[in-house]
PDB file of N, CA and C in Angstrom:
ATOM      1  N   UNK A   1     -13.258 -24.445   3.914  1.00  0.00           N
ATOM      2  CA  UNK A   1     -13.165 -23.293   4.645  1.00  0.00           C
ATOM      3  C   UNK A   1     -11.637 -22.711   4.311  1.00  0.00           C
ATOM      4  N   UNK A   2     -11.708 -21.338   4.330  1.00  0.00           N
ATOM      5  CA  UNK A   2     -10.743 -20.481   3.883  1.00  0.00           C
ATOM      6  C   UNK A   2      -8.843 -20.981   4.562  1.00  0.00           C
ATOM      7  N   UNK A   3      -8.329 -20.270   4.235  1.00  0.00           N
ATOM      8  CA  UNK A   3      -6.962 -20.136   4.751  1.00  0.00           C
ATOM      9  C   UNK A   3      -6.856 -19.358   6.268  1.00  0.00           C
ATOM     10  N   UNK A   4      -6.731 -20.303   7.312  1.00  0.00           N
ATOM     11  CA  UNK A   4      -6.693 -20.070   8.623  1.00  0.00           C
ATOM     12  C   UNK A   4      -5.462 -19.437   8.808  1.00  0.00           C
ATOM     13  N   UNK A   5      -3.996 -20.248   8.675  1.00  0.00           N
ATOM     14  CA  UNK A   5      -2.658 -19.697   8.799  1.00  0.00           C
ATOM     15  C   UNK A   5      -2.445 -19.758  10.164  1.00  0.00           C
ATOM     16  N   UNK A   6      -1.819 -18.482  10.948  1.00  0.00           N
ATOM     17  CA  UNK A   6      -1.694 -18.457  12.304  1.00  0.00           C
ATOM     18  C   UNK A   6      -2.928 -18.048  13.312  1.00  0.00           C
ATOM     19  N   UNK A   7      -4.164 -18.023  12.514  1.00  0.00           N
ATOM     20  CA  UNK A   7      -5.138 -17.367  13.227  1.00  0.00           C
ATOM     21  C   UNK A   7      -5.986 -18.750  13.927  1.00  0.00           C
ATOM     22  N   UNK A   8      -6.674 -18.558  14.821  1.00  0.00           N
ATOM     23  CA  UNK A   8      -7.598 -19.809  14.879  1.00  0.00           C
ATOM     24  C   UNK A   8      -9.175 -19.449  14.492  1.00  0.00           C
ATOM     25  N   UNK A   9      -9.135 -18.582  13.355  1.00  0.00           N
ATOM     26  CA  UNK A   9     -10.181 -18.328  12.390  1.00  0.00           C
ATOM     27  C   UNK A   9     -10.127 -18.514  11.194  1.00  0.00           C
ATOM     28  N   UNK A  10     -11.036 -18.222  10.350  1.00  0.00           N
ATOM     29  CA  UNK A  10     -10.814 -17.706   8.811  1.00  0.00           C
ATOM     30  C   UNK A  10     -10.960 -16.353   8.727  1.00  0.00           C
ATOM     31  N   UNK A  11      -9.569 -15.536   8.388  1.00  0.00           N
ATOM     32  CA  UNK A  11      -9.706 -14.085   8.157  1.00  0.00           C
ATOM     33  C   UNK A  11     -10.506 -13.689   7.118  1.00  0.00           C
ATOM     34  N   UNK A  12     -10.873 -14.480   6.248  1.00  0.00           N
ATOM     35  CA  UNK A  12     -11.918 -14.220   4.947  1.00  0.00           C
ATOM     36  C   UNK A  12     -12.985 -14.475   4.988  1.00  0.00           C
ATOM     37  N   UNK A  13     -13.665 -14.880   5.926  1.00  0.00           N
ATOM     38  CA  UNK A  13     -15.220 -15.395   5.629  1.00  0.00           C
ATOM     39  C   UNK A  13     -15.918 -14.145   6.037  1.00  0.00           C
ATOM     40  N   UNK A  14     -17.074 -14.069   5.328  1.00  0.00           N
ATOM     41  CA  UNK A  14     -18.255 -13.043   5.202  1.00  0.00           C
ATOM     42  C   UNK A  14     -18.830 -12.691   6.646  1.00  0.00           C
ATOM     43  N   UNK A  15     -18.200 -13.366   7.458  1.00  0.00           N
ATOM     44  CA  UNK A  15     -19.074 -12.949   9.038  1.00  0.00           C
ATOM     45  C   UNK A  15     -18.153 -12.303   9.477  1.00  0.00           C
ATOM     46  N   UNK A  16     -16.856 -11.538   9.042  1.00  0.00           N
ATOM     47  CA  UNK A  16     -16.262 -10.640   9.700  1.00  0.00           C
ATOM     48  C   UNK A  16     -17.022  -9.353   9.121  1.00  0.00           C
ATOM     49  N   UNK A  17     -17.355  -9.493   7.800  1.00  0.00           N
ATOM     50  CA  UNK A  17     -17.721  -8.349   7.291  1.00  0.00           C
ATOM     51  C   UNK A  17     -19.582  -7.786   7.935  1.00  0.00           C
ATOM     52  N   UNK A  18     -19.977  -8.792   8.325  1.00  0.00           N
ATOM     53  CA  UNK A  18     -21.379  -8.562   8.459  1.00  0.00           C
ATOM     54  C   UNK A  18     -21.814  -7.377   9.606  1.00  0.00           C
ATOM     55  N   UNK A  19     -20.815  -7.232  10.424  1.00  0.00           N
ATOM     56  CA  UNK A  19     -20.836  -6.209  11.301  1.00  0.00           C
ATOM     57  C   UNK A  19     -20.592  -4.571  10.546  1.00  0.00           C
ATOM     58  N   UNK A  20     -19.887  -4.646   9.775  1.00  0.00           N
ATOM     59  CA  UNK A  20     -19.663  -3.499   9.415  1.00  0.00           C
ATOM     60  C   UNK A  20     -20.782  -2.755   8.687  1.00  0.00           C
ATOM     61  N   UNK A  21     -21.508  -4.167   7.750  1.00  0.00           N
ATOM     62  CA  UNK A  21     -22.354  -3.435   6.653  1.00  0.00           C
ATOM     63  C   UNK A  21     -23.688  -3.215   7.948  1.00  0.00           C
ATOM     64  N   UNK A  22     -23.733  -4.143   8.692  1.00  0.00           N
ATOM     65  CA  UNK A  22     -25.016  -3.615   9.605  1.00  0.00           C
ATOM     66  C   UNK A  22     -24.588  -2.370  10.221  1.00  0.00           C
ATOM     67  N   UNK A  23     -23.361  -1.703  10.763  1.00  0.00           N
ATOM     68  CA  UNK A  23     -23.203  -0.538  11.241  1.00  0.00           C
ATOM     69  C   UNK A  23     -23.354   0.586  10.176  1.00  0.00           C
ATOM     70  N   UNK A  24     -22.644   0.218   9.203  1.00  0.00           N
ATOM     71  CA  UNK A  24     -23.148   1.204   8.083  1.00  0.00           C
ATOM     72  C   UNK A  24     -24.331   1.549   7.512  1.00  0.00           C
ATOM     73  N   UNK A  25     -25.165   0.604   8.099  1.00  0.00           N
ATOM     74  CA  UNK A  25     -27.093   0.653   7.668  1.00  0.00           C
ATOM     75  C   UNK A  25     -27.576   1.284   8.856  1.00  0.00           C
ATOM     76  N   UNK A  26     -26.981   1.529  10.223  1.00  0.00           N
ATOM     77  CA  UNK A  26     -27.671   1.964  11.109  1.00  0.00           C
ATOM     78  C   UNK A  26     -27.451   3.438  11.324  1.00  0.00           C
ATOM     79  N   UNK A  27     -28.346   3.780  12.195  1.00  0.00           N
ATOM     80  CA  UNK A  27     -28.471   5.255  12.859  1.00  0.00           C
ATOM     81  C   UNK A  27     -27.467   5.606  13.942  1.00  0.00           C
ATOM     82  N   UNK A  28     -26.329   4.380  14.016  1.00  0.00           N
ATOM     83  CA  UNK A  28     -24.987   4.751  14.871  1.00  0.00           C
ATOM     84  C   UNK A  28     -23.986   5.231  13.790  1.00  0.00           C
ATOM     85  N   UNK A  29     -24.223   4.988  12.337  1.00  0.00           N
ATOM     86  CA  UNK A  29     -23.300   5.293  11.752  1.00  0.00           C
ATOM     87  C   UNK A  29     -23.276   6.926  11.634  1.00  0.00           C
ATOM     88  N   UNK A  30     -21.990   7.656  11.613  1.00  0.00           N
ATOM     89  CA  UNK A  30     -21.822   8.741  11.047  1.00  0.00           C
ATOM     90  C   UNK A  30     -21.031   9.081   9.911  1.00  0.00           C
ATOM     91  N   UNK A  31     -21.093   7.879   9.201  1.00  0.00           N
ATOM     92  CA  UNK A  31     -19.842   7.979   7.958  1.00  0.00           C
ATOM     93  C   UNK A  31     -20.593   8.068   6.542  1.00  0.00           C
ATOM     94  N   UNK A  32     -20.184   8.977   5.659  1.00  0.00           N
ATOM     95  CA  UNK A  32     -20.575   8.964   4.311  1.00  0.00           C
ATOM     96  C   UNK A  32     -19.488   9.041   3.256  1.00  0.00           C
ATOM     97  N   UNK A  33     -19.592   8.494   2.259  1.00  0.00           N
ATOM     98  CA  UNK A  33     -18.286   8.418   1.347  1.00  0.00           C
ATOM     99  C   UNK A  33     -17.249   8.220   1.511  1.00  0.00           C
ATOM    100  N   UNK A  34     -17.129   7.107   2.699  1.00  0.00           N
ATOM    101  CA  UNK A  34     -16.056   6.338   3.011  1.00  0.00           C
ATOM    102  C   UNK A  34     -15.641   5.263   2.545  1.00  0.00           C
ATOM    103  N   UNK A  35     -14.508   5.122   2.720  1.00  0.00           N
ATOM    104  CA  UNK A  35     -14.294   3.182   2.014  1.00  0.00           C
ATOM    105  C   UNK A  35     -13.439   2.770   3.191  1.00  0.00           C
ATOM    106  N   UNK A  36     -13.922   1.560   3.563  1.00  0.00           N
ATOM    107  CA  UNK A  36     -13.627   0.773   4.576  1.00  0.00           C
ATOM    108  C   UNK A  36     -13.041  -0.377   4.500  1.00  0.00           C
ATOM    109  N   UNK A  37     -12.420  -1.174   4.739  1.00  0.00           N
ATOM    110  CA  UNK A  37     -11.659  -2.410   4.371  1.00  0.00           C
ATOM    111  C   UNK A  37     -11.348  -3.460   5.459  1.00  0.00           C
ATOM    112  N   UNK A  38     -12.223  -4.303   5.506  1.00  0.00           N
ATOM    113  CA  UNK A  38     -12.003  -5.189   6.291  1.00  0.00           C
ATOM    114  C   UNK A  38     -11.289  -6.884   6.197  1.00  0.00           C
ATOM    115  N   UNK A  39     -10.336  -7.225   7.135  1.00  0.00           N
ATOM    116  CA  UNK A  39      -9.887  -8.159   6.982  1.00  0.00           C
ATOM    117  C   UNK A  39      -9.315  -8.862   8.498  1.00  0.00           C
ATOM    118  N   UNK A  40     -10.610  -9.982   8.588  1.00  0.00           N
ATOM    119  CA  UNK A  40     -10.541 -10.828   9.884  1.00  0.00           C
ATOM    120  C   UNK A  40     -11.409  -9.628  10.697  1.00  0.00           C
ATOM    121  N   UNK A  41     -10.637  -9.658  11.851  1.00  0.00           N
ATOM    122  CA  UNK A  41     -11.274  -8.676  12.802  1.00  0.00           C
ATOM    123  C   UNK A  41     -10.638  -7.417  12.858  1.00  0.00           C
ATOM    124  N   UNK A  42     -10.002  -7.406  12.104  1.00  0.00           N
ATOM    125  CA  UNK A  42      -9.352  -5.641  11.892  1.00  0.00           C
ATOM    126  C   UNK A  42     -10.243  -4.783  10.460  1.00  0.00           C
ATOM    127  N   UNK A  43     -10.256  -3.508  11.280  1.00  0.00           N
ATOM    128  CA  UNK A  43     -10.966  -2.650  10.406  1.00  0.00           C
ATOM    129  C   UNK A  43     -10.052  -1.563   9.753  1.00  0.00           C
ATOM    130  N   UNK A  44     -10.002  -0.947   8.906  1.00  0.00           N
ATOM    131  CA  UNK A  44      -9.410   0.494   8.266  1.00  0.00           C
ATOM    132  C   UNK A  44     -10.242   1.195   7.553  1.00  0.00           C
ATOM    133  N   UNK A  45     -10.390   2.563   7.442  1.00  0.00           N
ATOM    134  CA  UNK A  45     -10.899   3.176   7.085  1.00  0.00           C
ATOM    135  C   UNK A  45      -9.477   4.183   6.168  1.00  0.00           C
ATOM    136  N   UNK A  46     -10.035   4.240   4.556  1.00  0.00           N
ATOM    137  CA  UNK A  46      -9.320   5.256   3.657  1.00  0.00           C
ATOM    138  C   UNK A  46      -9.417   6.361   3.969  1.00  0.00           C
ATOM    139  N   UNK A  47      -8.477   7.107   3.478  1.00  0.00           N
ATOM    140  CA  UNK A  47      -8.648   8.775   3.237  1.00  0.00           C
ATOM    141  C   UNK A  47      -8.982   8.842   1.783  1.00  0.00           C
ATOM    142  N   UNK A  48      -9.643   9.614   1.712  1.00  0.00           N
ATOM    143  CA  UNK A  48     -10.537  10.120   0.176  1.00  0.00           C
ATOM    144  C   UNK A  48      -9.128  10.741  -0.810  1.00  0.00           C
ATOM    145  N   UNK A  49      -9.351   9.903  -1.811  1.00  0.00           N
ATOM    146  CA  UNK A  49      -8.352  10.698  -3.123  1.00  0.00           C
ATOM    147  C   UNK A  49      -8.096  12.154  -2.819  1.00  0.00           C
ATOM    148  N   UNK A  50      -6.518  12.391  -2.724  1.00  0.00           N
ATOM    149  CA  UNK A  50      -6.544  14.125  -2.771  1.00  0.00           C
ATOM    150  C   UNK A  50      -5.698  14.429  -3.977  1.00  0.00           C
ATOM    151  N   UNK A  51      -6.064  15.832  -4.552  1.00  0.00           N
ATOM    152  CA  UNK A  51      -5.067  16.658  -5.801  1.00  0.00           C
ATOM    153  C   UNK A  51      -3.412  16.206  -5.560  1.00  0.00           C
ATOM    154  N   UNK A  52      -2.691  15.799  -6.613  1.00  0.00           N
ATOM    155  CA  UNK A  52      -1.564  15.293  -6.159  1.00  0.00           C
ATOM    156  C   UNK A  52      -0.462  16.379  -6.979  1.00  0.00           C
ATOM    157  N   UNK A  53      -1.657  17.161  -8.153  1.00  0.00           N
ATOM    158  CA  UNK A  53      -0.838  18.160  -8.376  1.00  0.00           C
ATOM    159  C   UNK A  53      -1.953  18.802  -9.474  1.00  0.00           C
ATOM    160  N   UNK A  54      -1.504  20.057  -9.988  1.00  0.00           N
ATOM    161  CA  UNK A  54      -2.399  20.766 -11.335  1.00  0.00           C
ATOM    162  C   UNK A  54      -1.423  21.268 -12.128  1.00  0.00           C
ATOM    163  N   UNK A  55      -2.184  21.448 -13.169  1.00  0.00           N
ATOM    164  CA  UNK A  55      -1.426  22.259 -14.359  1.00  0.00           C
ATOM    165  C   UNK A  55      -2.766  22.976 -14.896  1.00  0.00           C
ATOM    166  N   UNK A  56      -2.989  24.321 -15.078  1.00  0.00           N
ATOM    167  CA  UNK A  56      -4.001  25.442 -15.441  1.00  0.00           C
ATOM    168  C   UNK A  56      -3.725  25.967 -16.416  1.00  0.00           C
ATOM    169  N   UNK A  57      -4.484  26.108 -17.706  1.00  0.00           N
ATOM    170  CA  UNK A  57      -3.938  26.548 -19.070  1.00  0.00           C
ATOM    171  C   UNK A  57      -5.312  27.265 -18.882  1.00  0.00           C
ATOM    172  N   UNK A  58      -5.367  28.439 -20.008  1.00  0.00           N
ATOM    173  CA  UNK A  58      -6.458  29.221 -20.702  1.00  0.00           C
ATOM    174  C   UNK A  58      -7.423  28.691 -21.657  1.00  0.00           C
ATOM    175  N   UNK A  59      -6.629  27.584 -22.597  1.00  0.00           N
ATOM    176  CA  UNK A  59      -6.963  26.839 -23.807  1.00  0.00           C
ATOM    177  C   UNK A  59      -6.971  25.331 -23.716  1.00  0.00           C
ATOM    178  N   UNK A  60      -7.883  24.242 -24.689  1.00  0.00           N
ATOM    179  CA  UNK A  60      -7.701  23.298 -24.759  1.00  0.00           C
ATOM    180  C   UNK A  60      -6.094  22.449 -25.260  1.00  0.00           C
ATOM    181  N   UNK A  61      -5.875  21.701 -24.411  1.00  0.00           N
ATOM    182  CA  UNK A  61      -4.481  21.481 -24.574  1.00  0.00           C
ATOM    183  C   UNK A  61      -4.726  19.874 -25.926  1.00  0.00           C
ATOM    184  N   UNK A  62      -3.745  19.842 -26.419  1.00  0.00           N
ATOM    185  CA  UNK A  62      -3.568  18.584 -27.400  1.00  0.00           C
ATOM    186  C   UNK A  62      -2.974  17.624 -26.774  1.00  0.00           C
ATOM    187  N   UNK A  63      -3.187  16.509 -27.245  1.00  0.00           N
ATOM    188  CA  UNK A  63      -2.292  15.182 -26.870  1.00  0.00           C
ATOM    189  C   UNK A  63      -1.116  15.357 -26.497  1.00  0.00           C
ATOM    190  N   UNK A  64      -0.211  15.718 -27.401  1.00  0.00           N
ATOM    191  CA  UNK A  64       1.124  15.958 -26.883  1.00  0.00           C
ATOM    192  C   UNK A  64       1.556  17.194 -26.345  1.00  0.00           C
ATOM    193  N   UNK A  65       0.575  18.487 -25.801  1.00  0.00           N
ATOM    194  CA  UNK A  65       0.804  19.015 -25.202  1.00  0.00           C
ATOM    195  C   UNK A  65       0.669  18.621 -23.691  1.00  0.00           C
ATOM    196  N   UNK A  66      -0.440  17.708 -23.865  1.00  0.00           N
ATOM    197  CA  UNK A  66      -0.717  17.316 -22.146  1.00  0.00           C
ATOM    198  C   UNK A  66       0.403  16.195 -21.839  1.00  0.00           C
ATOM    199  N   UNK A  67       0.301  15.545 -22.634  1.00  0.00           N
ATOM    200  CA  UNK A  67       2.029  14.277 -22.542  1.00  0.00           C
ATOM    201  C   UNK A  67       3.130  15.206 -22.077  1.00  0.00           C
ATOM    202  N   UNK A  68       3.482  16.346 -22.507  1.00  0.00           N
ATOM    203  CA  UNK A  68       4.660  16.995 -22.135  1.00  0.00           C
ATOM    204  C   UNK A  68       4.487  17.680 -20.674  1.00  0.00           C
ATOM    205  N   UNK A  69       3.379  17.987 -20.454  1.00  0.00           N
ATOM    206  CA  UNK A  69       2.731  18.694 -19.132  1.00  0.00           C
ATOM    207  C   UNK A  69       3.127  17.660 -18.372  1.00  0.00           C
ATOM    208  N   UNK A  70       2.600  16.497 -18.313  1.00  0.00           N
ATOM    209  CA  UNK A  70       2.814  15.304 -17.502  1.00  0.00           C
ATOM    210  C   UNK A  70       3.820  14.399 -17.674  1.00  0.00           C
ATOM    211  N   UNK A  71       4.894  15.083 -18.406  1.00  0.00           N
ATOM    212  CA  UNK A  71       6.076  13.953 -18.429  1.00  0.00           C
ATOM    213  C   UNK A  71       6.839  13.930 -17.381  1.00  0.00           C
ATOM    214  N   UNK A  72       6.882  14.883 -16.407  1.00  0.00           N
ATOM    215  CA  UNK A  72       8.009  14.755 -15.078  1.00  0.00           C
ATOM    216  C   UNK A  72       6.838  14.335 -14.338  1.00  0.00           C
ATOM    217  N   UNK A  73       5.547  14.038 -14.085  1.00  0.00           N
ATOM    218  CA  UNK A  73       4.820  13.435 -12.976  1.00  0.00           C
ATOM    219  C   UNK A  73       5.427  12.122 -12.729  1.00  0.00           C
ATOM    220  N   UNK A  74       5.618  11.863 -11.622  1.00  0.00           N
ATOM    221  CA  UNK A  74       5.647  10.335 -11.207  1.00  0.00           C
ATOM    222  C   UNK A  74       4.363   9.493 -11.583  1.00  0.00           C
ATOM    223  N   UNK A  75       4.932   8.327 -12.007  1.00  0.00           N
ATOM    224  CA  UNK A  75       3.896   7.439 -12.121  1.00  0.00           C
ATOM    225  C   UNK A  75       3.239   6.857 -11.078  1.00  0.00           C
ATOM    226  N   UNK A  76       3.958   6.553  -9.758  1.00  0.00           N
ATOM    227  CA  UNK A  76       3.249   6.404  -8.538  1.00  0.00           C
ATOM    228  C   UNK A  76       3.302   7.075  -7.232  1.00  0.00           C
ATOM    229  N   UNK A  77       2.175   6.646  -6.380  1.00  0.00           N
ATOM    230  CA  UNK A  77       2.345   7.403  -5.593  1.00  0.00           C
ATOM    231  C   UNK A  77       2.696   6.313  -4.204  1.00  0.00           C
ATOM    232  N   UNK A  78       3.069   7.406  -3.323  1.00  0.00           N
ATOM    233  CA  UNK A  78       3.384   6.530  -1.732  1.00  0.00           C
ATOM    234  C   UNK A  78       1.930   5.983  -1.468  1.00  0.00           C
ATOM    235  N   UNK A  79       1.694   5.210  -0.611  1.00  0.00           N
ATOM    236  CA  UNK A  79       0.570   4.713   0.049  1.00  0.00           C
ATOM    237  C   UNK A  79       0.681   3.914   1.299  1.00  0.00           C
ATOM    238  N   UNK A  80      -0.117   3.712   2.232  1.00  0.00           N
ATOM    239  CA  UNK A  80      -0.762   2.648   3.086  1.00  0.00           C
ATOM    240  C   UNK A  80      -1.833   1.828   2.806  1.00  0.00           C
ATOM    241  N   UNK A  81      -0.937   0.309   2.527  1.00  0.00           N
ATOM    242  CA  UNK A  81      -2.135  -0.471   2.225  1.00  0.00           C
ATOM    243  C   UNK A  81      -2.292  -1.072   3.466  1.00  0.00           C
ATOM    244  N   UNK A  82      -3.417  -2.114   3.557  1.00  0.00           N
ATOM    245  CA  UNK A  82      -3.986  -2.755   4.630  1.00  0.00           C
ATOM    246  C   UNK A  82      -3.880  -4.066   4.371  1.00  0.00           C
ATOM    247  N   UNK A  83      -3.023  -4.829   5.151  1.00  0.00           N
ATOM    248  CA  UNK A  83      -2.764  -6.084   5.256  1.00  0.00           C
ATOM    249  C   UNK A  83      -2.986  -6.954   6.400  1.00  0.00           C
ATOM    250  N   UNK A  84      -3.304  -7.854   6.827  1.00  0.00           N
ATOM    251  CA  UNK A  84      -3.579  -8.822   7.900  1.00  0.00           C
ATOM    252  C   UNK A  84      -2.492  -8.171   9.114  1.00  0.00           C
ATOM    253  N   UNK A  85      -3.563  -7.560  10.075  1.00  0.00           N
ATOM    254  CA  UNK A  85      -2.689  -7.055  11.122  1.00  0.00           C
ATOM    255  C   UNK A  85      -2.179  -5.563  11.234  1.00  0.00           C
ATOM    256  N   UNK A  86      -2.101  -5.163  10.102  1.00  0.00           N
ATOM    257  CA  UNK A  86      -0.782  -4.295   9.984  1.00  0.00           C
ATOM    258  C   UNK A  86      -0.849  -3.285   8.740  1.00  0.00           C
ATOM    259  N   UNK A  87      -1.235  -2.184   8.884  1.00  0.00           N
ATOM    260  CA  UNK A  87      -0.806  -1.308   7.435  1.00  0.00           C
ATOM    261  C   UNK A  87       0.387  -1.101   7.000  1.00  0.00           C
ATOM    262  N   UNK A  88       0.752  -1.002   5.721  1.00  0.00           N
ATOM    263  CA  UNK A  88       1.866  -1.620   5.071  1.00  0.00           C
ATOM    264  C   UNK A  88       2.172  -0.350   3.880  1.00  0.00           C
ATOM    265  N   UNK A  89       3.588   0.218   4.003  1.00  0.00           N
ATOM    266  CA  UNK A  89       3.580   1.228   2.865  1.00  0.00           C
ATOM    267  C   UNK A  89       4.290   0.640   1.856  1.00  0.00           C
ATOM    268  N   UNK A  90       3.775   1.342   0.786  1.00  0.00           N
ATOM    269  CA  UNK A  90       3.881   0.824  -0.491  1.00  0.00           C
ATOM    270  C   UNK A  90       3.766   1.762  -1.620  1.00  0.00           C
ATOM    271  N   UNK A  91       4.006   1.209  -3.038  1.00  0.00           N
ATOM    272  CA  UNK A  91       3.576   2.117  -3.807  1.00  0.00           C
ATOM    273  C   UNK A  91       2.539   1.851  -5.151  1.00  0.00           C
ATOM    274  N   UNK A  92       1.991   2.828  -5.326  1.00  0.00           N
ATOM    275  CA  UNK A  92       0.613   2.724  -6.117  1.00  0.00           C
ATOM    276  C   UNK A  92       0.737   2.983  -7.397  1.00  0.00           C
ATOM    277  N   UNK A  93       0.453   2.506  -8.731  1.00  0.00           N
ATOM    278  CA  UNK A  93       0.432   1.084  -8.837  1.00  0.00           C
ATOM    279  C   UNK A  93       1.640   0.286  -8.860  1.00  0.00           C
ATOM    280  N   UNK A  94       1.747  -0.751  -8.426  1.00  0.00           N
ATOM    281  CA  UNK A  94       2.879  -1.626  -8.242  1.00  0.00           C
ATOM    282  C   UNK A  94       4.335  -1.496  -9.320  1.00  0.00           C
ATOM    283  N   UNK A  95       5.355  -2.136  -8.771  1.00  0.00           N
ATOM    284  CA  UNK A  95       6.128  -2.184 -10.125  1.00  0.00           C
ATOM    285  C   UNK A  95       5.883  -3.244 -11.054  1.00  0.00           C
ATOM    286  N   UNK A  96       4.884  -4.334 -10.682  1.00  0.00           N
ATOM    287  CA  UNK A  96       4.465  -5.212 -11.769  1.00  0.00           C
ATOM    288  C   UNK A  96       3.706  -4.672 -12.367  1.00  0.00           C
ATOM    289  N   UNK A  97       2.544  -4.043 -11.795  1.00  0.00           N
ATOM    290  CA  UNK A  97       1.678  -3.784 -13.342  1.00  0.00           C
ATOM    291  C   UNK A  97       2.179  -2.537 -13.795  1.00  0.00           C
ATOM    292  N   UNK A  98       3.422  -1.707 -13.562  1.00  0.00           N
ATOM    293  CA  UNK A  98       4.127  -0.693 -14.203  1.00  0.00           C
ATOM    294  C   UNK A  98       4.612  -1.432 -15.436  1.00  0.00           C
ATOM    295  N   UNK A  99       5.462  -2.147 -15.107  1.00  0.00           N
ATOM    296  CA  UNK A  99       6.003  -3.344 -15.894  1.00  0.00           C
ATOM    297  C   UNK A  99       5.250  -3.966 -16.975  1.00  0.00           C
ATOM    298  N   UNK A 100       4.193  -4.570 -16.494  1.00  0.00           N
ATOM    299  CA  UNK A 100       3.278  -5.111 -17.461  1.00  0.00           C
ATOM    300  C   UNK A 100       2.854  -4.249 -18.580  1.00  0.00           C
ATOM    301  N   UNK A 101       2.537  -2.927 -17.957  1.00  0.00           N
ATOM    302  CA  UNK A 101       1.865  -1.786 -18.816  1.00  0.00           C
ATOM    303  C   UNK A 101       2.826  -1.378 -20.089  1.00  0.00           C
ATOM    304  N   UNK A 102       4.237  -1.339 -18.971  1.00  0.00           N
ATOM    305  CA  UNK A 102       5.371  -1.195 -20.298  1.00  0.00           C
ATOM    306  C   UNK A 102       5.630  -2.262 -21.694  1.00  0.00           C
ATOM    307  N   UNK A 103       5.145  -3.158 -21.229  1.00  0.00           N
ATOM    308  CA  UNK A 103       5.299  -4.308 -22.246  1.00  0.00           C
ATOM    309  C   UNK A 103       4.475  -4.186 -23.016  1.00  0.00           C
ATOM    310  N   UNK A 104       3.061  -3.527 -22.871  1.00  0.00           N
ATOM    311  CA  UNK A 104       1.904  -3.509 -23.534  1.00  0.00           C
ATOM    312  C   UNK A 104       2.268  -2.289 -24.785  1.00  0.00           C
ATOM    313  N   UNK A 105       2.782  -1.509 -24.284  1.00  0.00           N
ATOM    314  CA  UNK A 105       3.224  -0.510 -25.227  1.00  0.00           C
ATOM    315  C   UNK A 105       4.636  -0.423 -26.040  1.00  0.00           C
ATOM    316  N   UNK A 106       5.145  -1.200 -26.038  1.00  0.00           N
ATOM    317  CA  UNK A 106       6.069  -1.952 -26.663  1.00  0.00           C
ATOM    318  C   UNK A 106       5.984  -2.714 -28.132  1.00  0.00           C
TER     319      UNK A 106
END
């Protein structure tokens, strides 16, 4: 059995997922193209990805030109994650991931 912790039930059992799967497959569902998260009895729906910036040109860019255009763009975005019982503000990707990517490039 999974970790029960402060709850009187296992938040990670597939039993919590079955109702949303049934709902999504039913005639009652009016959603398409959306992403849901299930954590125990808690349900979250994610916002679709959005354009964070754009850089237009009339010609094809070289690798160096593209690197220059994107050099001042933040590597992270602010986001809300879905964790047990409460959404949490955080950055994506995490500092840990960015640090490990930096180690690869060294």
